[in-house]
């Protein structure tokens, strides 16, 4: 498996969108509101990749994972960490997050930050095993209940 930065010459937007949608599909009947992944288009995904630091994991010529990293004040925000369902449990997510940690350190950012839906307790546990701690509860616009939690990982 190789991990490569998605840059200007990347032309596999349809495959990247399919990867994100397939890896987020299990959430469809679980979370409310629906995942923002459903609002992605080929054009908006390409724009997101231009604005953020994006990597793809490739194995046998096939996209099997991705991560989008966005520098913020004091954090590197992790979004759209996606692993193909058939490739989950093989350490790919952990490798992509390790790369995000390197980027955060290079940029002088002391922590990673991510958000995950309140209903996805398995994700909470996985991120906790990877060193993240819950730091906030949030509600999407129009909701009076908690719909997501924020988790951070301090880097030493």
N, C-alpha and C. Protein backbone atom coordinates (compact mmCIF):
# COMPACT_ATOMS: atom_id res chain seq x y z
N UNK A 1 0.83 -1.18 0.00
CA UNK A 1 0.00 0.00 0.00
C UNK A 1 0.88 1.24 0.00
N UNK A 2 0.48 2.25 -0.75
CA UNK A 2 1.18 3.52 -0.75
C UNK A 2 0.20 4.62 -0.36
N UNK A 3 0.73 5.65 0.29
CA UNK A 3 -0.08 6.82 0.62
C UNK A 3 0.51 7.98 -0.17
N UNK A 4 -0.36 8.67 -0.91
CA UNK A 4 0.08 9.76 -1.77
C UNK A 4 -0.77 11.00 -1.54
N UNK A 5 -0.15 12.13 -1.69
CA UNK A 5 -0.89 13.40 -1.55
C UNK A 5 -1.71 13.63 -2.80
N UNK A 6 -2.94 14.05 -2.60
CA UNK A 6 -3.81 14.38 -3.71
C UNK A 6 -3.52 15.83 -4.10
N UNK A 7 -3.08 16.00 -5.34
CA UNK A 7 -2.72 17.32 -5.82
C UNK A 7 -3.45 17.68 -7.09
N UNK A 8 -2.92 18.67 -7.78
CA UNK A 8 -3.55 19.19 -9.00
C UNK A 8 -3.72 18.13 -10.08
N UNK A 9 -2.80 17.19 -10.19
CA UNK A 9 -2.87 16.19 -11.24
C UNK A 9 -3.80 15.04 -10.96
N UNK A 10 -4.43 15.02 -9.80
CA UNK A 10 -5.33 13.93 -9.43
C UNK A 10 -6.56 13.97 -10.33
N UNK A 11 -6.94 12.83 -10.85
CA UNK A 11 -8.09 12.80 -11.75
C UNK A 11 -9.09 11.71 -11.42
N UNK A 12 -9.04 11.21 -10.20
CA UNK A 12 -9.89 10.08 -9.84
C UNK A 12 -11.00 10.50 -8.87
N UNK A 13 -11.62 11.66 -9.16
CA UNK A 13 -12.61 12.22 -8.24
C UNK A 13 -13.81 11.28 -8.09
N UNK A 14 -14.24 10.64 -9.17
CA UNK A 14 -15.38 9.73 -9.07
C UNK A 14 -15.06 8.55 -8.15
N UNK A 15 -13.86 8.05 -8.24
CA UNK A 15 -13.45 6.93 -7.38
C UNK A 15 -13.32 7.38 -5.93
N UNK A 16 -12.79 8.59 -5.72
CA UNK A 16 -12.66 9.11 -4.36
C UNK A 16 -14.04 9.34 -3.74
N UNK A 17 -14.96 9.90 -4.49
CA UNK A 17 -16.32 10.11 -3.98
C UNK A 17 -16.98 8.78 -3.65
N UNK A 18 -16.82 7.79 -4.52
CA UNK A 18 -17.38 6.46 -4.27
C UNK A 18 -16.78 5.85 -3.00
N UNK A 19 -15.49 6.04 -2.80
CA UNK A 19 -14.83 5.54 -1.58
C UNK A 19 -15.46 6.16 -0.34
N UNK A 20 -15.60 7.47 -0.33
CA UNK A 20 -16.17 8.15 0.83
C UNK A 20 -17.61 7.69 1.06
N UNK A 21 -18.41 7.66 0.03
CA UNK A 21 -19.81 7.25 0.18
C UNK A 21 -19.94 5.80 0.65
N UNK A 22 -19.10 4.91 0.13
CA UNK A 22 -19.20 3.51 0.54
C UNK A 22 -18.74 3.32 1.98
N UNK A 23 -17.72 4.05 2.39
CA UNK A 23 -17.24 3.87 3.76
C UNK A 23 -18.13 4.57 4.78
N UNK A 24 -18.94 5.53 4.36
CA UNK A 24 -19.87 6.21 5.26
C UNK A 24 -21.28 5.62 5.18
N UNK A 25 -21.51 4.67 4.27
CA UNK A 25 -22.86 4.14 4.03
C UNK A 25 -23.49 3.51 5.27
N UNK A 26 -22.68 2.90 6.13
CA UNK A 26 -23.24 2.24 7.31
C UNK A 26 -23.94 3.23 8.24
N UNK A 27 -23.65 4.52 8.10
CA UNK A 27 -24.25 5.55 8.95
C UNK A 27 -25.65 5.93 8.51
N UNK A 28 -26.03 5.59 7.29
CA UNK A 28 -27.25 6.13 6.69
C UNK A 28 -28.50 5.97 7.54
N UNK A 29 -28.72 4.84 8.14
CA UNK A 29 -29.93 4.65 8.95
C UNK A 29 -29.65 4.79 10.44
N UNK A 30 -28.47 5.33 10.77
CA UNK A 30 -28.05 5.41 12.17
C UNK A 30 -28.00 6.85 12.66
N UNK A 31 -27.49 7.77 11.83
CA UNK A 31 -27.28 9.14 12.29
C UNK A 31 -28.35 10.09 11.76
N UNK A 32 -28.61 11.14 12.55
CA UNK A 32 -29.52 12.19 12.15
C UNK A 32 -28.97 13.50 12.69
N UNK A 33 -28.70 14.49 11.83
CA UNK A 33 -28.98 14.56 10.41
C UNK A 33 -28.05 13.67 9.59
N UNK A 34 -28.39 13.47 8.31
CA UNK A 34 -27.55 12.63 7.44
C UNK A 34 -26.14 13.21 7.28
N UNK A 35 -25.22 12.35 6.93
CA UNK A 35 -23.82 12.74 6.74
C UNK A 35 -23.68 13.80 5.66
N UNK A 36 -22.77 14.73 5.89
CA UNK A 36 -22.46 15.75 4.88
C UNK A 36 -21.83 15.13 3.63
N UNK A 37 -21.39 13.88 3.74
CA UNK A 37 -20.83 13.19 2.57
C UNK A 37 -21.85 13.14 1.43
N UNK A 38 -23.14 13.10 1.78
CA UNK A 38 -24.19 13.03 0.75
C UNK A 38 -24.31 14.32 -0.04
N UNK A 39 -23.76 15.40 0.48
CA UNK A 39 -23.82 16.68 -0.25
C UNK A 39 -22.61 16.88 -1.16
N UNK A 40 -21.63 15.99 -1.08
CA UNK A 40 -20.45 16.12 -1.92
C UNK A 40 -20.79 15.84 -3.38
N UNK A 41 -20.18 16.63 -4.25
CA UNK A 41 -20.25 16.38 -5.69
C UNK A 41 -18.81 16.24 -6.16
N UNK A 42 -18.62 15.85 -7.40
CA UNK A 42 -17.26 15.74 -7.92
C UNK A 42 -16.57 17.10 -7.84
N UNK A 43 -17.28 18.16 -8.18
CA UNK A 43 -16.69 19.50 -8.16
C UNK A 43 -16.39 19.96 -6.73
N UNK A 44 -17.32 19.74 -5.80
CA UNK A 44 -17.09 20.20 -4.43
C UNK A 44 -15.99 19.37 -3.75
N UNK A 45 -15.89 18.11 -4.11
CA UNK A 45 -14.83 17.27 -3.56
C UNK A 45 -13.46 17.75 -4.06
N UNK A 46 -13.37 18.06 -5.34
CA UNK A 46 -12.12 18.58 -5.91
C UNK A 46 -11.75 19.90 -5.25
N UNK A 47 -12.73 20.76 -5.02
CA UNK A 47 -12.48 22.05 -4.35
C UNK A 47 -12.01 21.82 -2.92
N UNK A 48 -12.64 20.91 -2.20
CA UNK A 48 -12.26 20.58 -0.83
C UNK A 48 -10.81 20.09 -0.79
N UNK A 49 -10.44 19.26 -1.74
CA UNK A 49 -9.08 18.74 -1.80
C UNK A 49 -8.06 19.84 -2.10
N UNK A 50 -8.46 20.83 -2.89
CA UNK A 50 -7.56 21.95 -3.17
C UNK A 50 -7.36 22.84 -1.95
N UNK A 51 -8.40 22.98 -1.14
CA UNK A 51 -8.36 23.86 0.02
C UNK A 51 -7.73 23.20 1.25
N UNK A 52 -7.69 21.88 1.27
CA UNK A 52 -7.18 21.16 2.43
C UNK A 52 -5.98 20.32 2.02
N UNK A 53 -5.37 19.68 2.99
CA UNK A 53 -4.25 18.77 2.75
C UNK A 53 -4.84 17.37 2.72
N UNK A 54 -4.78 16.75 1.57
CA UNK A 54 -5.52 15.51 1.35
C UNK A 54 -4.60 14.40 0.88
N UNK A 55 -4.82 13.22 1.44
CA UNK A 55 -4.02 12.05 1.07
C UNK A 55 -4.94 10.90 0.72
N UNK A 56 -4.45 10.03 -0.16
CA UNK A 56 -5.16 8.81 -0.54
C UNK A 56 -4.25 7.62 -0.28
N UNK A 57 -4.85 6.55 0.22
CA UNK A 57 -4.16 5.27 0.35
C UNK A 57 -4.56 4.44 -0.86
N UNK A 58 -3.56 3.88 -1.52
CA UNK A 58 -3.79 3.14 -2.76
C UNK A 58 -3.14 1.77 -2.63
N UNK A 59 -3.89 0.75 -3.01
CA UNK A 59 -3.36 -0.62 -2.99
C UNK A 59 -3.82 -1.32 -4.26
N UNK A 60 -2.87 -1.87 -4.97
CA UNK A 60 -3.19 -2.56 -6.22
C UNK A 60 -3.88 -1.64 -7.22
N UNK A 61 -3.52 -0.36 -7.20
CA UNK A 61 -4.12 0.61 -8.11
C UNK A 61 -5.48 1.11 -7.68
N UNK A 62 -6.00 0.61 -6.57
CA UNK A 62 -7.34 0.94 -6.09
C UNK A 62 -7.27 1.88 -4.90
N UNK A 63 -8.11 2.92 -4.88
CA UNK A 63 -8.20 3.80 -3.72
C UNK A 63 -8.87 3.05 -2.59
N UNK A 64 -8.19 2.96 -1.45
CA UNK A 64 -8.77 2.22 -0.32
C UNK A 64 -8.92 3.09 0.93
N UNK A 65 -8.42 4.34 0.87
CA UNK A 65 -8.57 5.21 2.02
C UNK A 65 -8.23 6.64 1.67
N UNK A 66 -8.71 7.56 2.51
CA UNK A 66 -8.37 8.96 2.33
C UNK A 66 -8.50 9.69 3.66
N UNK A 67 -7.87 10.85 3.71
CA UNK A 67 -7.98 11.74 4.86
C UNK A 67 -7.85 13.17 4.36
N UNK A 68 -8.67 14.04 4.91
CA UNK A 68 -8.63 15.47 4.62
C UNK A 68 -8.20 16.19 5.89
N UNK A 69 -7.19 17.03 5.80
CA UNK A 69 -6.63 17.74 6.95
C UNK A 69 -6.71 19.24 6.69
N UNK A 70 -7.21 19.97 7.68
CA UNK A 70 -7.40 21.40 7.51
C UNK A 70 -6.78 22.13 8.71
N UNK A 71 -5.72 22.91 8.48
CA UNK A 71 -5.13 23.67 9.58
C UNK A 71 -6.12 24.70 10.12
N UNK A 72 -6.24 24.72 11.44
CA UNK A 72 -7.06 25.69 12.15
C UNK A 72 -6.20 26.32 13.24
N UNK A 73 -6.74 27.30 13.92
CA UNK A 73 -6.03 27.93 15.03
C UNK A 73 -5.83 26.89 16.14
N UNK A 74 -4.59 26.44 16.32
CA UNK A 74 -4.27 25.51 17.40
C UNK A 74 -4.52 24.05 17.12
N UNK A 75 -5.03 23.71 15.93
CA UNK A 75 -5.38 22.32 15.63
C UNK A 75 -5.15 22.02 14.16
N UNK A 76 -5.04 20.72 13.88
CA UNK A 76 -5.20 20.23 12.52
C UNK A 76 -6.51 19.46 12.54
N UNK A 77 -7.51 19.97 11.82
CA UNK A 77 -8.82 19.34 11.79
C UNK A 77 -8.79 18.16 10.82
N UNK A 78 -9.28 17.03 11.28
CA UNK A 78 -9.34 15.81 10.49
C UNK A 78 -10.78 15.61 10.03
N UNK A 79 -10.96 15.53 8.72
CA UNK A 79 -12.30 15.31 8.18
C UNK A 79 -12.26 14.27 7.09
N UNK A 80 -13.37 13.64 6.88
CA UNK A 80 -13.54 12.64 5.82
C UNK A 80 -12.41 11.60 5.83
N UNK A 81 -12.13 11.09 7.02
CA UNK A 81 -11.25 9.92 7.14
C UNK A 81 -12.10 8.74 6.70
N UNK A 82 -11.77 8.17 5.56
CA UNK A 82 -12.59 7.11 4.98
C UNK A 82 -11.71 5.93 4.58
N UNK A 83 -12.16 4.74 4.94
CA UNK A 83 -11.47 3.50 4.57
C UNK A 83 -12.49 2.60 3.88
N UNK A 84 -12.12 2.05 2.73
CA UNK A 84 -13.03 1.15 2.01
C UNK A 84 -13.47 0.04 2.95
N UNK A 85 -14.76 -0.30 2.95
CA UNK A 85 -15.26 -1.34 3.86
C UNK A 85 -14.44 -2.63 3.81
N UNK A 86 -13.98 -3.05 2.65
CA UNK A 86 -13.21 -4.30 2.54
C UNK A 86 -11.78 -4.15 3.04
N UNK A 87 -11.35 -2.92 3.34
CA UNK A 87 -9.98 -2.69 3.81
C UNK A 87 -9.92 -2.24 5.25
N UNK A 88 -11.06 -2.18 5.92
CA UNK A 88 -11.07 -1.73 7.32
C UNK A 88 -10.46 -2.79 8.22
N UNK A 89 -9.90 -2.32 9.33
CA UNK A 89 -9.29 -3.23 10.30
C UNK A 89 -7.88 -3.65 9.96
N UNK A 90 -7.25 -2.98 8.98
CA UNK A 90 -5.90 -3.34 8.55
C UNK A 90 -4.86 -2.28 8.90
N UNK A 91 -5.25 -1.30 9.72
CA UNK A 91 -4.31 -0.27 10.15
C UNK A 91 -4.18 0.92 9.22
N UNK A 92 -5.02 0.99 8.19
CA UNK A 92 -4.91 2.09 7.23
C UNK A 92 -5.31 3.42 7.86
N UNK A 93 -6.39 3.43 8.62
CA UNK A 93 -6.83 4.65 9.30
C UNK A 93 -5.76 5.16 10.25
N UNK A 94 -5.15 4.25 10.97
CA UNK A 94 -4.08 4.63 11.91
C UNK A 94 -2.89 5.23 11.15
N UNK A 95 -2.55 4.65 9.99
CA UNK A 95 -1.44 5.19 9.20
C UNK A 95 -1.75 6.58 8.66
N UNK A 96 -2.98 6.78 8.21
CA UNK A 96 -3.37 8.10 7.72
C UNK A 96 -3.35 9.12 8.85
N UNK A 97 -3.79 8.73 10.04
CA UNK A 97 -3.75 9.65 11.18
C UNK A 97 -2.31 9.95 11.60
N UNK A 98 -1.43 8.98 11.48
CA UNK A 98 -0.01 9.24 11.79
C UNK A 98 0.56 10.28 10.84
N UNK A 99 0.16 10.23 9.59
CA UNK A 99 0.58 11.23 8.63
C UNK A 99 0.03 12.60 9.02
N UNK A 100 -1.22 12.65 9.47
CA UNK A 100 -1.82 13.91 9.93
C UNK A 100 -1.03 14.47 11.12
N UNK A 101 -0.59 13.60 12.01
CA UNK A 101 0.22 14.05 13.15
C UNK A 101 1.52 14.69 12.67
N UNK A 102 2.16 14.09 11.67
CA UNK A 102 3.38 14.67 11.11
C UNK A 102 3.12 16.06 10.54
N UNK A 103 2.02 16.20 9.82
CA UNK A 103 1.68 17.50 9.23
C UNK A 103 1.44 18.53 10.32
N UNK A 104 0.70 18.14 11.36
CA UNK A 104 0.43 19.07 12.46
C UNK A 104 1.73 19.53 13.10
N UNK A 105 2.64 18.61 13.32
CA UNK A 105 3.93 18.98 13.93
C UNK A 105 4.71 19.93 13.01
N UNK A 106 4.73 19.63 11.71
CA UNK A 106 5.42 20.50 10.74
C UNK A 106 4.85 21.91 10.76
N UNK A 107 3.55 22.02 10.99
CA UNK A 107 2.89 23.32 10.99
C UNK A 107 2.85 23.96 12.38
N UNK A 108 3.47 23.29 13.36
CA UNK A 108 3.51 23.84 14.71
C UNK A 108 2.16 23.79 15.43
N UNK A 109 1.30 22.86 15.01
CA UNK A 109 -0.01 22.73 15.64
C UNK A 109 0.05 21.64 16.70
N UNK A 110 -0.38 21.94 17.93
CA UNK A 110 -0.19 21.01 19.05
C UNK A 110 -1.20 19.87 19.17
N UNK A 111 -2.23 19.85 18.31
CA UNK A 111 -3.26 18.83 18.48
C UNK A 111 -4.00 18.56 17.18
N UNK A 112 -4.58 17.37 17.12
CA UNK A 112 -5.53 17.00 16.07
C UNK A 112 -6.92 17.19 16.64
N UNK A 113 -7.86 17.51 15.79
CA UNK A 113 -9.25 17.67 16.20
C UNK A 113 -10.14 17.00 15.17
N UNK A 114 -11.19 16.34 15.63
CA UNK A 114 -12.17 15.74 14.72
C UNK A 114 -13.54 15.78 15.36
N UNK A 115 -14.54 15.52 14.56
CA UNK A 115 -15.90 15.40 15.05
C UNK A 115 -16.46 14.08 14.58
N UNK A 116 -17.25 13.47 15.43
CA UNK A 116 -17.90 12.21 15.09
C UNK A 116 -19.31 12.25 15.65
N UNK A 117 -20.20 11.58 15.01
CA UNK A 117 -21.60 11.63 15.42
C UNK A 117 -21.82 10.92 16.75
N UNK A 118 -22.75 11.44 17.50
CA UNK A 118 -23.05 10.92 18.84
C UNK A 118 -23.46 9.45 18.80
N UNK A 119 -24.15 9.05 17.72
CA UNK A 119 -24.64 7.67 17.63
C UNK A 119 -23.53 6.66 17.33
N UNK A 120 -22.39 7.11 16.85
CA UNK A 120 -21.34 6.20 16.39
C UNK A 120 -20.37 5.85 17.52
N UNK A 121 -20.87 5.15 18.51
CA UNK A 121 -20.08 4.84 19.70
C UNK A 121 -18.86 3.97 19.37
N UNK A 122 -18.95 3.17 18.33
CA UNK A 122 -17.79 2.38 17.91
C UNK A 122 -16.65 3.29 17.45
N UNK A 123 -17.00 4.36 16.74
CA UNK A 123 -15.99 5.34 16.32
C UNK A 123 -15.38 6.03 17.54
N UNK A 124 -16.21 6.37 18.52
CA UNK A 124 -15.70 7.03 19.74
C UNK A 124 -14.64 6.13 20.38
N UNK A 125 -14.95 4.85 20.48
CA UNK A 125 -14.03 3.91 21.12
C UNK A 125 -12.74 3.76 20.31
N UNK A 126 -12.86 3.68 18.99
CA UNK A 126 -11.66 3.56 18.15
C UNK A 126 -10.78 4.79 18.29
N UNK A 127 -11.37 5.96 18.20
CA UNK A 127 -10.57 7.19 18.33
C UNK A 127 -9.95 7.30 19.72
N UNK A 128 -10.66 6.86 20.75
CA UNK A 128 -10.10 6.87 22.10
C UNK A 128 -8.88 5.95 22.18
N UNK A 129 -8.96 4.78 21.56
CA UNK A 129 -7.81 3.86 21.53
C UNK A 129 -6.62 4.50 20.81
N UNK A 130 -6.90 5.38 19.86
CA UNK A 130 -5.85 6.05 19.09
C UNK A 130 -5.37 7.32 19.77
N UNK A 131 -5.82 7.56 21.01
CA UNK A 131 -5.31 8.70 21.78
C UNK A 131 -6.16 9.94 21.79
N UNK A 132 -7.35 9.89 21.22
CA UNK A 132 -8.25 11.04 21.22
C UNK A 132 -9.11 11.03 22.47
N UNK A 133 -9.46 12.22 22.95
CA UNK A 133 -10.35 12.36 24.10
C UNK A 133 -11.50 13.29 23.73
N UNK A 134 -12.66 13.00 24.26
CA UNK A 134 -13.83 13.83 24.02
C UNK A 134 -13.63 15.19 24.68
N UNK A 135 -13.87 16.26 23.92
CA UNK A 135 -13.67 17.61 24.44
C UNK A 135 -14.93 18.47 24.38
N UNK A 136 -15.92 18.06 23.62
CA UNK A 136 -17.15 18.87 23.52
C UNK A 136 -18.28 18.05 22.93
N UNK A 137 -19.49 18.49 23.21
CA UNK A 137 -20.69 17.96 22.57
C UNK A 137 -21.31 19.10 21.79
N UNK A 138 -21.80 18.82 20.59
CA UNK A 138 -22.35 19.85 19.72
C UNK A 138 -23.68 19.40 19.14
N UNK A 139 -24.46 20.38 18.71
CA UNK A 139 -25.73 20.11 18.03
C UNK A 139 -25.69 20.78 16.66
N UNK A 140 -26.11 20.04 15.64
CA UNK A 140 -26.23 20.63 14.31
C UNK A 140 -27.33 21.68 14.31
N UNK A 141 -27.26 22.65 13.41
CA UNK A 141 -28.32 23.66 13.33
C UNK A 141 -29.70 23.02 13.20
N UNK A 142 -30.64 23.51 13.99
CA UNK A 142 -32.01 22.99 13.95
C UNK A 142 -32.26 21.85 14.92
N UNK A 143 -31.22 21.40 15.63
CA UNK A 143 -31.36 20.30 16.59
C UNK A 143 -31.16 20.83 18.00
N UNK A 144 -31.96 20.35 18.94
CA UNK A 144 -31.82 20.75 20.34
C UNK A 144 -31.09 19.69 21.15
N UNK A 145 -30.81 18.57 20.54
CA UNK A 145 -30.08 17.49 21.22
C UNK A 145 -28.65 17.43 20.67
N UNK A 146 -27.78 16.77 21.40
CA UNK A 146 -26.41 16.56 20.93
C UNK A 146 -26.44 15.66 19.71
N UNK A 147 -25.77 16.09 18.64
CA UNK A 147 -25.71 15.28 17.42
C UNK A 147 -24.29 14.84 17.09
N UNK A 148 -23.30 15.50 17.70
CA UNK A 148 -21.91 15.10 17.44
C UNK A 148 -21.05 15.42 18.66
N UNK A 149 -19.92 14.76 18.70
CA UNK A 149 -18.94 15.09 19.73
C UNK A 149 -17.64 15.48 19.04
N UNK A 150 -16.91 16.33 19.72
CA UNK A 150 -15.58 16.72 19.26
C UNK A 150 -14.58 15.91 20.08
N UNK A 151 -13.54 15.47 19.40
CA UNK A 151 -12.46 14.74 20.08
C UNK A 151 -11.15 15.37 19.65
N UNK A 152 -10.19 15.41 20.58
CA UNK A 152 -8.88 15.97 20.28
C UNK A 152 -7.80 15.00 20.74
N UNK A 153 -6.69 15.07 20.04
CA UNK A 153 -5.50 14.32 20.41
C UNK A 153 -4.35 15.32 20.53
N UNK A 154 -3.84 15.47 21.74
CA UNK A 154 -2.70 16.35 21.98
C UNK A 154 -1.45 15.65 21.48
N UNK A 155 -0.57 16.41 20.83
CA UNK A 155 0.67 15.85 20.30
C UNK A 155 1.81 16.31 21.18
N UNK A 156 2.71 15.42 21.48
CA UNK A 156 3.87 15.77 22.33
C UNK A 156 5.08 16.03 21.48
